[in-house]
Protein backbone atom coordinates (compact mmCIF):
# COMPACT_ATOMS: atom_id res chain seq x y z
CA UNK A 1 167.29 29.69 -86.29
CA UNK A 2 163.56 29.82 -85.40
CA UNK A 3 161.96 30.20 -82.25
CA UNK A 4 160.10 27.49 -80.69
CA UNK A 5 156.35 27.72 -81.38
CA UNK A 6 154.49 27.05 -78.20
CA UNK A 7 151.12 27.87 -79.91
CA UNK A 8 151.10 24.86 -82.47
CA UNK A 9 147.96 22.64 -82.23
CA UNK A 10 149.98 19.70 -82.26
CA UNK A 11 152.09 20.69 -78.99
CA UNK A 12 149.01 22.51 -77.19
CA UNK A 13 146.30 19.64 -78.05
CA UNK A 14 148.75 16.41 -77.26
CA UNK A 15 150.75 17.95 -74.24
CA UNK A 16 147.53 19.26 -72.27
CA UNK A 17 145.79 15.81 -73.02
CA UNK A 18 148.79 13.72 -72.42
CA UNK A 19 149.68 15.35 -69.03
CA UNK A 20 145.97 14.99 -68.04
CA UNK A 21 145.71 11.54 -68.82
CA UNK A 22 148.91 10.74 -67.10
CA UNK A 23 147.74 12.37 -63.93
CA UNK A 24 144.60 10.74 -64.07
CA UNK A 25 146.02 7.50 -64.70
CA UNK A 26 148.46 7.89 -61.75
CA UNK A 27 145.49 8.65 -59.28
CA UNK A 28 143.71 5.45 -60.61
CA UNK A 29 146.64 3.42 -59.95
CA UNK A 30 146.96 4.72 -56.42
CA UNK A 31 143.27 4.89 -56.00
CA UNK A 32 141.80 1.53 -57.90
CA UNK A 33 138.07 1.37 -57.57
CA UNK A 34 137.80 -1.93 -55.15
CA UNK A 35 134.25 -2.99 -56.53
CA UNK A 36 132.82 -3.26 -59.92
CA UNK A 37 130.84 -0.09 -60.68
CA UNK A 38 129.37 2.16 -63.50
CA UNK A 39 130.88 5.34 -62.36
CA UNK A 40 134.81 4.92 -61.81
CA UNK A 41 137.62 3.00 -63.59
CA UNK A 42 137.97 0.92 -66.60
CA UNK A 43 134.42 -0.08 -67.16
CA UNK A 44 134.06 -2.13 -70.22
CA UNK A 45 131.56 -5.17 -70.28
CA UNK A 46 134.69 -7.60 -70.46
CA UNK A 47 136.39 -5.74 -67.40
CA UNK A 48 132.93 -6.00 -65.44
CA UNK A 49 132.49 -9.44 -66.12
CA UNK A 50 133.94 -10.76 -62.81
CA UNK A 51 135.89 -9.12 -59.82
CA UNK A 52 139.00 -10.83 -61.20
CA UNK A 53 138.85 -9.23 -64.44
CA UNK A 54 137.58 -6.06 -63.11
CA UNK A 55 140.89 -6.05 -60.86
CA UNK A 56 143.03 -6.87 -63.61
CA UNK A 57 141.66 -4.19 -66.14
CA UNK A 58 142.11 -1.73 -63.57
CA UNK A 59 146.05 -2.12 -63.39
CA UNK A 60 146.89 -3.13 -66.78
CA UNK A 61 144.36 -0.78 -68.44
CA UNK A 62 145.43 2.04 -66.56
CA UNK A 63 149.41 1.43 -66.97
CA UNK A 64 148.71 1.11 -70.95
CA UNK A 65 146.80 4.35 -70.81
CA UNK A 66 149.59 6.00 -69.22
CA UNK A 67 152.21 4.70 -71.73
CA UNK A 68 149.79 6.35 -74.39
CA UNK A 69 149.86 9.50 -72.29
CA UNK A 70 153.51 9.76 -72.27
CA UNK A 71 153.64 9.02 -75.73
CA UNK A 72 151.45 11.88 -76.63
CA UNK A 73 153.65 14.49 -74.54
CA UNK A 74 156.72 12.97 -76.34
CA UNK A 75 155.05 13.49 -79.83
CA UNK A 76 153.57 16.90 -79.04
CA UNK A 77 157.39 18.17 -78.92
CA UNK A 78 157.29 17.65 -82.63
CA UNK A 79 154.78 20.41 -82.90
CA UNK A 80 157.37 22.95 -81.27
CA UNK A 81 159.59 22.54 -84.54
CA UNK A 82 157.22 21.51 -87.29
CA UNK A 83 153.98 23.30 -88.54
CA UNK A 84 151.60 21.90 -91.25
CA UNK A 85 148.99 24.57 -91.07
CA UNK A 86 146.33 25.21 -88.27
CA UNK A 87 143.79 22.88 -89.59
CA UNK A 88 146.18 19.84 -90.47
CA UNK A 89 148.02 20.40 -87.04
CA UNK A 90 144.79 20.08 -85.32
CA UNK A 91 143.69 16.98 -87.25
CA UNK A 92 147.15 15.46 -86.64
CA UNK A 93 146.79 16.15 -83.10
CA UNK A 94 143.37 14.83 -82.46
CA UNK A 95 144.29 11.77 -84.54
CA UNK A 96 147.24 10.96 -82.38
CA UNK A 97 145.04 11.43 -79.59
CA UNK A 98 142.50 8.71 -80.70
CA UNK A 99 145.04 6.46 -81.23
CA UNK A 100 146.62 6.84 -77.96
CA UNK A 101 143.69 6.02 -76.21
CA UNK A 102 142.24 3.52 -78.37
CA UNK A 103 145.40 1.36 -78.93
CA UNK A 104 145.64 0.77 -75.01
CA UNK A 105 141.88 0.17 -74.87
CA UNK A 106 142.03 -2.43 -77.43
CA UNK A 107 145.12 -4.43 -75.97
CA UNK A 108 143.70 -4.58 -72.63
CA UNK A 109 140.31 -5.86 -74.40
CA UNK A 110 142.33 -8.38 -75.98
CA UNK A 111 144.16 -9.51 -72.66
CA UNK A 112 140.99 -9.64 -70.96
CA UNK A 113 139.29 -11.69 -73.64
CA UNK A 114 142.58 -14.21 -73.58
CA UNK A 115 142.77 -14.41 -69.86
CA UNK A 116 138.92 -14.20 -68.69
CA UNK A 117 137.25 -15.52 -71.75
CA UNK A 118 135.19 -13.83 -74.57
CA UNK A 119 131.97 -11.81 -74.02
């Protein structure tokens, strides 16, 4: 039986970024920015269109991002058991990380468009 490979890029990249995004997400859920601003929070043109859209995006966008972070952490465990080669492992991990960020963003933007109109 082989040992777990904690040095695998899939594990390292997805676990560290997943945990970091998860922690930041929990912080933002507990301390959402109250007013529309350009420095902190979920800041897309749709989210900044109105205070109501802003408030919605801070909660729903962050919740979805936390789900993506949890998925990254779960998927990272594959890297403990499977290795495709250093370069391919890194590519796979980065591709999954990008998807775990872009999918929640796209879902939130679609919800903002449906609830608060297009822009």
